């Protein structure tokens, strides 16, 4: 089926739409600026993000009861604070730091590119982030979603096949009428396995240092774009 049959776009969010790493570093530095604490917030952000997948795997295996991403982020955060020598924070301060994920800033092209894509397609999130997180993030960052969909709705984290199929069903679109947009090859491969079309968007600075603009290793994605405006151009929006 040609790309002109696409009706809806589903977006991964962390790293694809928003710059989680730089945002967390900024929040962390603001928190400890006047406390005399020496914290490598870039390493802290990387460690926080690195704990994300193992925590979700524990939920998938049944080692943990269902927990949303805010809860999993807090679980990881409670382990990281003493490891990085951060002590003496009040509970309200720890909670506010955990909610920094609600305040992530978009990549420079994201808002304009999404508005272009919205002029032609239904645009929605398909993120492992919980609905309250994604909603507050959208309000904070000005992200113009038509709909916010989350793994929380299905109690199954990506890359579980049901997350992709259920999202398509909620939008009233067949998988082949739906384009999954992400900066992560594993997410796209899982979506493609369920019949969705796929768009890889390069985010070479997701982990801080530029990683270049090489093509993805997987050559089977339908679209490869430098950013959301480039994606809009390729989709005629």
C-alpha atoms as a PDB file:
ATOM      1  CA  UNK A   1       0.000   0.000   0.000  1.00  0.00           C
ATOM      2  CA  UNK A   2       1.400   3.396  -0.991  1.00  0.00           C
ATOM      3  CA  UNK A   3       2.239   6.072   1.543  1.00  0.00           C
ATOM      4  CA  UNK A   4      -0.624   8.182   0.194  1.00  0.00           C
ATOM      5  CA  UNK A   5      -2.982   5.734   1.926  1.00  0.00           C
ATOM      6  CA  UNK A   6      -1.715   6.768   5.365  1.00  0.00           C
ATOM      7  CA  UNK A   7      -4.355   8.391   7.573  1.00  0.00           C
ATOM      8  CA  UNK A   8      -2.735   8.547  10.995  1.00  0.00           C
ATOM      9  CA  UNK A   9       0.718   9.076  12.462  1.00  0.00           C
ATOM     10  CA  UNK A  10       1.752   7.618  15.820  1.00  0.00           C
ATOM     11  CA  UNK A  11       4.790   9.139  17.520  1.00  0.00           C
ATOM     12  CA  UNK A  12       7.249   7.781  19.984  1.00  0.00           C
ATOM     13  CA  UNK A  13       7.947  10.706  22.325  1.00  0.00           C
ATOM     14  CA  UNK A  14      11.087  10.408  24.498  1.00  0.00           C
ATOM     15  CA  UNK A  15      14.023  11.194  22.234  1.00  0.00           C
ATOM     16  CA  UNK A  16      11.880  11.438  19.115  1.00  0.00           C
ATOM     17  CA  UNK A  17       9.796  14.506  19.976  1.00  0.00           C
ATOM     18  CA  UNK A  18      11.522  15.838  23.084  1.00  0.00           C
ATOM     19  CA  UNK A  19      15.142  16.206  24.173  1.00  0.00           C
ATOM     20  CA  UNK A  20      14.925  14.320  27.465  1.00  0.00           C
ATOM     21  CA  UNK A  21      18.662  14.415  28.250  1.00  0.00           C
ATOM     22  CA  UNK A  22      19.288  18.166  27.975  1.00  0.00           C
ATOM     23  CA  UNK A  23      16.010  18.852  29.765  1.00  0.00           C
ATOM     24  CA  UNK A  24      16.893  16.630  32.732  1.00  0.00           C
ATOM     25  CA  UNK A  25      20.382  18.105  32.968  1.00  0.00           C
ATOM     26  CA  UNK A  26      18.895  21.604  33.081  1.00  0.00           C
ATOM     27  CA  UNK A  27      16.422  20.648  35.823  1.00  0.00           C
ATOM     28  CA  UNK A  28      19.063  18.877  37.879  1.00  0.00           C
ATOM     29  CA  UNK A  29      21.508  21.762  37.760  1.00  0.00           C
ATOM     30  CA  UNK A  30      18.782  24.167  38.857  1.00  0.00           C
ATOM     31  CA  UNK A  31      17.949  21.908  41.798  1.00  0.00           C
ATOM     32  CA  UNK A  32      21.504  21.703  43.143  1.00  0.00           C
ATOM     33  CA  UNK A  33      22.801  25.124  42.094  1.00  0.00           C
ATOM     34  CA  UNK A  34      22.799  26.576  45.608  1.00  0.00           C
ATOM     35  CA  UNK A  35      23.388  23.411  47.632  1.00  0.00           C
ATOM     36  CA  UNK A  36      27.126  22.988  47.204  1.00  0.00           C
ATOM     37  CA  UNK A  37      26.626  19.566  45.602  1.00  0.00           C
ATOM     38  CA  UNK A  38      28.896  18.389  42.808  1.00  0.00           C
ATOM     39  CA  UNK A  39      26.696  16.247  40.554  1.00  0.00           C
ATOM     40  CA  UNK A  40      27.425  15.123  37.021  1.00  0.00           C
ATOM     41  CA  UNK A  41      23.879  15.622  35.814  1.00  0.00           C
ATOM     42  CA  UNK A  42      24.625  14.358  32.313  1.00  0.00           C
ATOM     43  CA  UNK A  43      25.700  11.010  33.763  1.00  0.00           C
ATOM     44  CA  UNK A  44      22.732  11.119  36.118  1.00  0.00           C
ATOM     45  CA  UNK A  45      20.323  11.635  33.213  1.00  0.00           C
ATOM     46  CA  UNK A  46      21.926   8.806  31.260  1.00  0.00           C
ATOM     47  CA  UNK A  47      21.678   6.467  34.260  1.00  0.00           C
ATOM     48  CA  UNK A  48      18.039   7.426  34.846  1.00  0.00           C
ATOM     49  CA  UNK A  49      17.174   6.689  31.241  1.00  0.00           C
ATOM     50  CA  UNK A  50      19.228   3.473  31.281  1.00  0.00           C
ATOM     51  CA  UNK A  51      17.074   2.149  34.120  1.00  0.00           C
ATOM     52  CA  UNK A  52      13.898   2.622  32.110  1.00  0.00           C
ATOM     53  CA  UNK A  53      14.000  -0.528  29.950  1.00  0.00           C
ATOM     54  CA  UNK A  54      15.058  -2.935  32.739  1.00  0.00           C
ATOM     55  CA  UNK A  55      12.275  -1.565  34.950  1.00  0.00           C
ATOM     56  CA  UNK A  56       9.674  -2.151  32.219  1.00  0.00           C
ATOM     57  CA  UNK A  57      11.032  -5.669  31.716  1.00  0.00           C
ATOM     58  CA  UNK A  58      10.405  -6.389  35.396  1.00  0.00           C
ATOM     59  CA  UNK A  59       6.777  -5.398  34.871  1.00  0.00           C
ATOM     60  CA  UNK A  60       6.514  -7.550  31.744  1.00  0.00           C
ATOM     61  CA  UNK A  61       7.935 -10.577  33.568  1.00  0.00           C
ATOM     62  CA  UNK A  62       5.528 -10.117  36.454  1.00  0.00           C
ATOM     63  CA  UNK A  63       8.263  -9.305  38.980  1.00  0.00           C
ATOM     64  CA  UNK A  64       6.498  -5.993  39.582  1.00  0.00           C
ATOM     65  CA  UNK A  65       2.779  -5.327  39.490  1.00  0.00           C
ATOM     66  CA  UNK A  66       1.728  -2.855  36.798  1.00  0.00           C
ATOM     67  CA  UNK A  67       3.382   0.482  37.402  1.00  0.00           C
ATOM     68  CA  UNK A  68       3.139   3.509  35.142  1.00  0.00           C
ATOM     69  CA  UNK A  69       6.222   5.348  33.951  1.00  0.00           C
ATOM     70  CA  UNK A  70       6.010   8.011  36.666  1.00  0.00           C
ATOM     71  CA  UNK A  71       6.141   5.211  39.230  1.00  0.00           C
ATOM     72  CA  UNK A  72       8.999   3.430  37.462  1.00  0.00           C
ATOM     73  CA  UNK A  73      10.926   6.697  37.126  1.00  0.00           C
ATOM     74  CA  UNK A  74      10.542   7.244  40.878  1.00  0.00           C
ATOM     75  CA  UNK A  75      11.718   3.704  41.604  1.00  0.00           C
ATOM     76  CA  UNK A  76      14.885   4.357  39.580  1.00  0.00           C
ATOM     77  CA  UNK A  77      15.333   7.861  41.030  1.00  0.00           C
ATOM     78  CA  UNK A  78      15.280   6.569  44.604  1.00  0.00           C
ATOM     79  CA  UNK A  79      18.201   4.293  43.732  1.00  0.00           C
ATOM     80  CA  UNK A  80      20.156   6.983  41.884  1.00  0.00           C
ATOM     81  CA  UNK A  81      20.046   9.788  44.461  1.00  0.00           C
ATOM     82  CA  UNK A  82      22.358   8.118  47.021  1.00  0.00           C
ATOM     83  CA  UNK A  83      24.532   6.635  44.260  1.00  0.00           C
ATOM     84  CA  UNK A  84      25.285  10.168  43.024  1.00  0.00           C
ATOM     85  CA  UNK A  85      25.743  11.557  46.533  1.00  0.00           C
ATOM     86  CA  UNK A  86      22.515  13.550  46.579  1.00  0.00           C
ATOM     87  CA  UNK A  87      21.128  13.670  50.122  1.00  0.00           C
ATOM     88  CA  UNK A  88      18.874  15.899  52.147  1.00  0.00           C
ATOM     89  CA  UNK A  89      16.156  16.568  49.573  1.00  0.00           C
ATOM     90  CA  UNK A  90      12.639  16.982  50.886  1.00  0.00           C
ATOM     91  CA  UNK A  91       9.967  14.668  49.567  1.00  0.00           C
ATOM     92  CA  UNK A  92       8.402  17.556  47.642  1.00  0.00           C
ATOM     93  CA  UNK A  93      11.760  18.236  45.956  1.00  0.00           C
ATOM     94  CA  UNK A  94      12.216  14.591  44.990  1.00  0.00           C
ATOM     95  CA  UNK A  95       8.692  14.470  43.594  1.00  0.00           C
ATOM     96  CA  UNK A  96       9.299  17.663  41.618  1.00  0.00           C
ATOM     97  CA  UNK A  97      12.507  16.215  40.192  1.00  0.00           C
ATOM     98  CA  UNK A  98      10.670  13.034  39.202  1.00  0.00           C
ATOM     99  CA  UNK A  99       8.116  15.167  37.408  1.00  0.00           C
ATOM    100  CA  UNK A 100      10.873  16.810  35.349  1.00  0.00           C
ATOM    101  CA  UNK A 101       9.877  14.208  32.755  1.00  0.00           C
ATOM    102  CA  UNK A 102       6.583  16.116  32.446  1.00  0.00           C
ATOM    103  CA  UNK A 103       8.508  19.249  31.494  1.00  0.00           C
ATOM    104  CA  UNK A 104      10.813  17.982  28.761  1.00  0.00           C
ATOM    105  CA  UNK A 105      11.536  20.456  25.991  1.00  0.00           C
ATOM    106  CA  UNK A 106      10.865  19.649  22.336  1.00  0.00           C
ATOM    107  CA  UNK A 107      13.515  19.429  19.652  1.00  0.00           C
ATOM    108  CA  UNK A 108      13.695  22.741  17.726  1.00  0.00           C
ATOM    109  CA  UNK A 109      11.812  21.370  14.708  1.00  0.00           C
ATOM    110  CA  UNK A 110       9.181  19.436  16.638  1.00  0.00           C
ATOM    111  CA  UNK A 111       6.316  21.896  17.134  1.00  0.00           C
ATOM    112  CA  UNK A 112       6.417  23.384  13.640  1.00  0.00           C
ATOM    113  CA  UNK A 113       6.830  19.966  12.053  1.00  0.00           C
ATOM    114  CA  UNK A 114       3.947  18.491  14.022  1.00  0.00           C
ATOM    115  CA  UNK A 115       1.676  21.362  13.031  1.00  0.00           C
ATOM    116  CA  UNK A 116       2.504  20.736   9.371  1.00  0.00           C
ATOM    117  CA  UNK A 117       1.808  17.040   9.723  1.00  0.00           C
ATOM    118  CA  UNK A 118      -1.403  17.736  11.637  1.00  0.00           C
ATOM    119  CA  UNK A 119      -2.716  19.723   8.666  1.00  0.00           C
ATOM    120  CA  UNK A 120      -2.899  16.482   6.685  1.00  0.00           C
ATOM    121  CA  UNK A 121      -2.982  13.583   9.162  1.00  0.00           C
ATOM    122  CA  UNK A 122      -4.269  12.567  12.551  1.00  0.00           C
ATOM    123  CA  UNK A 123      -1.258  12.844  14.852  1.00  0.00           C
ATOM    124  CA  UNK A 124      -1.108  11.033  18.170  1.00  0.00           C
ATOM    125  CA  UNK A 125       1.428   9.837  20.685  1.00  0.00           C
ATOM    126  CA  UNK A 126       2.169   6.174  21.205  1.00  0.00           C
ATOM    127  CA  UNK A 127       4.509   6.311  24.155  1.00  0.00           C
ATOM    128  CA  UNK A 128       5.263   4.229  27.197  1.00  0.00           C
ATOM    129  CA  UNK A 129       4.855   7.460  29.161  1.00  0.00           C
ATOM    130  CA  UNK A 130       1.643   7.659  31.177  1.00  0.00           C
ATOM    131  CA  UNK A 131      -1.244   9.861  30.101  1.00  0.00           C
ATOM    132  CA  UNK A 132      -0.826  12.530  32.788  1.00  0.00           C
ATOM    133  CA  UNK A 133       2.878  12.822  31.937  1.00  0.00           C
ATOM    134  CA  UNK A 134       2.227  13.137  28.206  1.00  0.00           C
ATOM    135  CA  UNK A 135      -0.627  15.594  28.738  1.00  0.00           C
ATOM    136  CA  UNK A 136       1.393  17.914  30.969  1.00  0.00           C
ATOM    137  CA  UNK A 137       4.356  17.626  28.616  1.00  0.00           C
ATOM    138  CA  UNK A 138       2.177  18.621  25.662  1.00  0.00           C
ATOM    139  CA  UNK A 139       0.835  21.629  27.537  1.00  0.00           C
ATOM    140  CA  UNK A 140       4.314  22.673  28.700  1.00  0.00           C
ATOM    141  CA  UNK A 141       5.960  22.237  25.297  1.00  0.00           C
ATOM    142  CA  UNK A 142       3.087  23.308  23.034  1.00  0.00           C
ATOM    143  CA  UNK A 143       2.817  19.941  21.302  1.00  0.00           C
ATOM    144  CA  UNK A 144      -0.318  19.989  19.128  1.00  0.00           C
ATOM    145  CA  UNK A 145      -1.499  16.381  19.395  1.00  0.00           C
ATOM    146  CA  UNK A 146      -4.920  15.378  18.125  1.00  0.00           C
ATOM    147  CA  UNK A 147      -4.926  12.535  20.619  1.00  0.00           C
ATOM    148  CA  UNK A 148      -2.709  11.226  23.413  1.00  0.00           C
ATOM    149  CA  UNK A 149      -2.342   7.462  23.467  1.00  0.00           C
ATOM    150  CA  UNK A 150      -0.208   5.638  25.983  1.00  0.00           C
ATOM    151  CA  UNK A 151       0.819   2.101  26.824  1.00  0.00           C
ATOM    152  CA  UNK A 152      -0.916   2.846  30.125  1.00  0.00           C
ATOM    153  CA  UNK A 153      -4.252   2.424  28.318  1.00  0.00           C
ATOM    154  CA  UNK A 154      -3.414  -1.150  27.422  1.00  0.00           C
ATOM    155  CA  UNK A 155      -1.309  -2.091  30.473  1.00  0.00           C
ATOM    156  CA  UNK A 156       1.336  -3.329  28.032  1.00  0.00           C
ATOM    157  CA  UNK A 157       4.590  -1.558  27.308  1.00  0.00           C
ATOM    158  CA  UNK A 158       6.070  -1.228  23.849  1.00  0.00           C
ATOM    159  CA  UNK A 159       7.295  -3.264  22.063  1.00  0.00           C
ATOM    160  CA  UNK A 160       4.383  -5.536  23.005  1.00  0.00           C
ATOM    161  CA  UNK A 161       2.466  -6.097  19.728  1.00  0.00           C
ATOM    162  CA  UNK A 162      -0.864  -5.197  21.306  1.00  0.00           C
ATOM    163  CA  UNK A 163       0.197  -1.619  22.006  1.00  0.00           C
ATOM    164  CA  UNK A 164       0.562  -0.903  18.277  1.00  0.00           C
ATOM    165  CA  UNK A 165      -2.570  -2.750  17.182  1.00  0.00           C
ATOM    166  CA  UNK A 166      -4.713  -1.260  19.946  1.00  0.00           C
ATOM    167  CA  UNK A 167      -3.548   2.260  19.132  1.00  0.00           C
ATOM    168  CA  UNK A 168      -4.513   1.815  15.483  1.00  0.00           C
ATOM    169  CA  UNK A 169      -7.923   0.463  16.505  1.00  0.00           C
ATOM    170  CA  UNK A 170      -8.584   3.421  18.809  1.00  0.00           C
ATOM    171  CA  UNK A 171      -7.875   5.795  15.932  1.00  0.00           C
ATOM    172  CA  UNK A 172     -10.105   3.825  13.570  1.00  0.00           C
ATOM    173  CA  UNK A 173      -7.211   3.147  11.217  1.00  0.00           C
ATOM    174  CA  UNK A 174      -5.900  -0.131   9.874  1.00  0.00           C
ATOM    175  CA  UNK A 175      -2.232  -0.853  10.636  1.00  0.00           C
ATOM    176  CA  UNK A 176      -1.289  -0.290   6.998  1.00  0.00           C
ATOM    177  CA  UNK A 177      -2.977   3.129   7.167  1.00  0.00           C
ATOM    178  CA  UNK A 178      -0.863   4.105  10.172  1.00  0.00           C
ATOM    179  CA  UNK A 179       2.705   5.422  10.196  1.00  0.00           C
ATOM    180  CA  UNK A 180       4.782   4.858  13.312  1.00  0.00           C
ATOM    181  CA  UNK A 181       7.342   7.659  13.742  1.00  0.00           C
ATOM    182  CA  UNK A 182      10.367   7.130  15.974  1.00  0.00           C
ATOM    183  CA  UNK A 183      14.064   7.753  16.369  1.00  0.00           C
ATOM    184  CA  UNK A 184      14.575   4.198  17.627  1.00  0.00           C
ATOM    185  CA  UNK A 185      14.915   1.256  15.292  1.00  0.00           C
ATOM    186  CA  UNK A 186      13.619  -1.369  17.716  1.00  0.00           C
ATOM    187  CA  UNK A 187      10.340   0.527  18.190  1.00  0.00           C
ATOM    188  CA  UNK A 188       9.850   0.800  14.440  1.00  0.00           C
ATOM    189  CA  UNK A 189      10.739  -2.834  13.802  1.00  0.00           C
ATOM    190  CA  UNK A 190       8.144  -3.930  16.362  1.00  0.00           C
ATOM    191  CA  UNK A 191       5.500  -1.703  14.753  1.00  0.00           C
ATOM    192  CA  UNK A 192       6.358  -2.943  11.266  1.00  0.00           C
ATOM    193  CA  UNK A 193       5.952  -6.540  12.435  1.00  0.00           C
ATOM    194  CA  UNK A 194       2.313  -5.694  13.174  1.00  0.00           C
ATOM    195  CA  UNK A 195       1.728  -4.226   9.722  1.00  0.00           C
ATOM    196  CA  UNK A 196       2.275  -0.518  10.434  1.00  0.00           C
ATOM    197  CA  UNK A 197       4.257   1.679   8.088  1.00  0.00           C
ATOM    198  CA  UNK A 198       7.395   3.195   9.570  1.00  0.00           C
ATOM    199  CA  UNK A 199       9.307   6.482   9.570  1.00  0.00           C
ATOM    200  CA  UNK A 200      12.757   6.798  11.109  1.00  0.00           C
ATOM    201  CA  UNK A 201      13.640  10.338  12.244  1.00  0.00           C
ATOM    202  CA  UNK A 202      17.287  11.025  12.994  1.00  0.00           C
ATOM    203  CA  UNK A 203      18.052  12.484  16.408  1.00  0.00           C
ATOM    204  CA  UNK A 204      21.855  12.396  16.512  1.00  0.00           C
ATOM    205  CA  UNK A 205      22.043  14.486  19.712  1.00  0.00           C
ATOM    206  CA  UNK A 206      19.686  12.375  21.810  1.00  0.00           C
ATOM    207  CA  UNK A 207      22.562  11.225  23.996  1.00  0.00           C
ATOM    208  CA  UNK A 208      24.401  14.518  23.950  1.00  0.00           C
ATOM    209  CA  UNK A 209      27.254  14.252  21.481  1.00  0.00           C
ATOM    210  CA  UNK A 210      26.404  14.236  17.763  1.00  0.00           C
ATOM    211  CA  UNK A 211      26.389  10.717  16.395  1.00  0.00           C
ATOM    212  CA  UNK A 212      26.275  11.745  12.736  1.00  0.00           C
ATOM    213  CA  UNK A 213      23.603  11.447  10.121  1.00  0.00           C
ATOM    214  CA  UNK A 214      24.207   7.934   8.847  1.00  0.00           C
ATOM    215  CA  UNK A 215      21.247   5.936   7.649  1.00  0.00           C
ATOM    216  CA  UNK A 216      19.660   3.483  10.090  1.00  0.00           C
ATOM    217  CA  UNK A 217      21.028  -0.040  10.074  1.00  0.00           C
ATOM    218  CA  UNK A 218      17.597  -1.362   9.146  1.00  0.00           C
ATOM    219  CA  UNK A 219      16.959  -0.546   5.483  1.00  0.00           C
ATOM    220  CA  UNK A 220      13.317  -1.560   5.575  1.00  0.00           C
ATOM    221  CA  UNK A 221      11.728   1.605   6.940  1.00  0.00           C
ATOM    222  CA  UNK A 222       9.330   3.389   4.597  1.00  0.00           C
ATOM    223  CA  UNK A 223      10.677   6.882   5.306  1.00  0.00           C
ATOM    224  CA  UNK A 224      13.941   8.229   6.707  1.00  0.00           C
ATOM    225  CA  UNK A 225      13.919  11.912   7.699  1.00  0.00           C
ATOM    226  CA  UNK A 226      16.362  14.403   9.177  1.00  0.00           C
ATOM    227  CA  UNK A 227      13.632  15.990  11.326  1.00  0.00           C
ATOM    228  CA  UNK A 228       9.869  16.516  11.412  1.00  0.00           C
ATOM    229  CA  UNK A 229       9.897  19.209   8.744  1.00  0.00           C
ATOM    230  CA  UNK A 230      11.760  16.873   6.402  1.00  0.00           C
ATOM    231  CA  UNK A 231       9.197  14.180   7.248  1.00  0.00           C
ATOM    232  CA  UNK A 232       6.367  16.602   6.452  1.00  0.00           C
ATOM    233  CA  UNK A 233       7.966  17.412   3.091  1.00  0.00           C
ATOM    234  CA  UNK A 234       8.215  13.750   2.194  1.00  0.00           C
ATOM    235  CA  UNK A 235       4.577  13.147   3.162  1.00  0.00           C
ATOM    236  CA  UNK A 236       3.292  16.181   1.274  1.00  0.00           C
ATOM    237  CA  UNK A 237       2.253  18.192   4.341  1.00  0.00           C
END
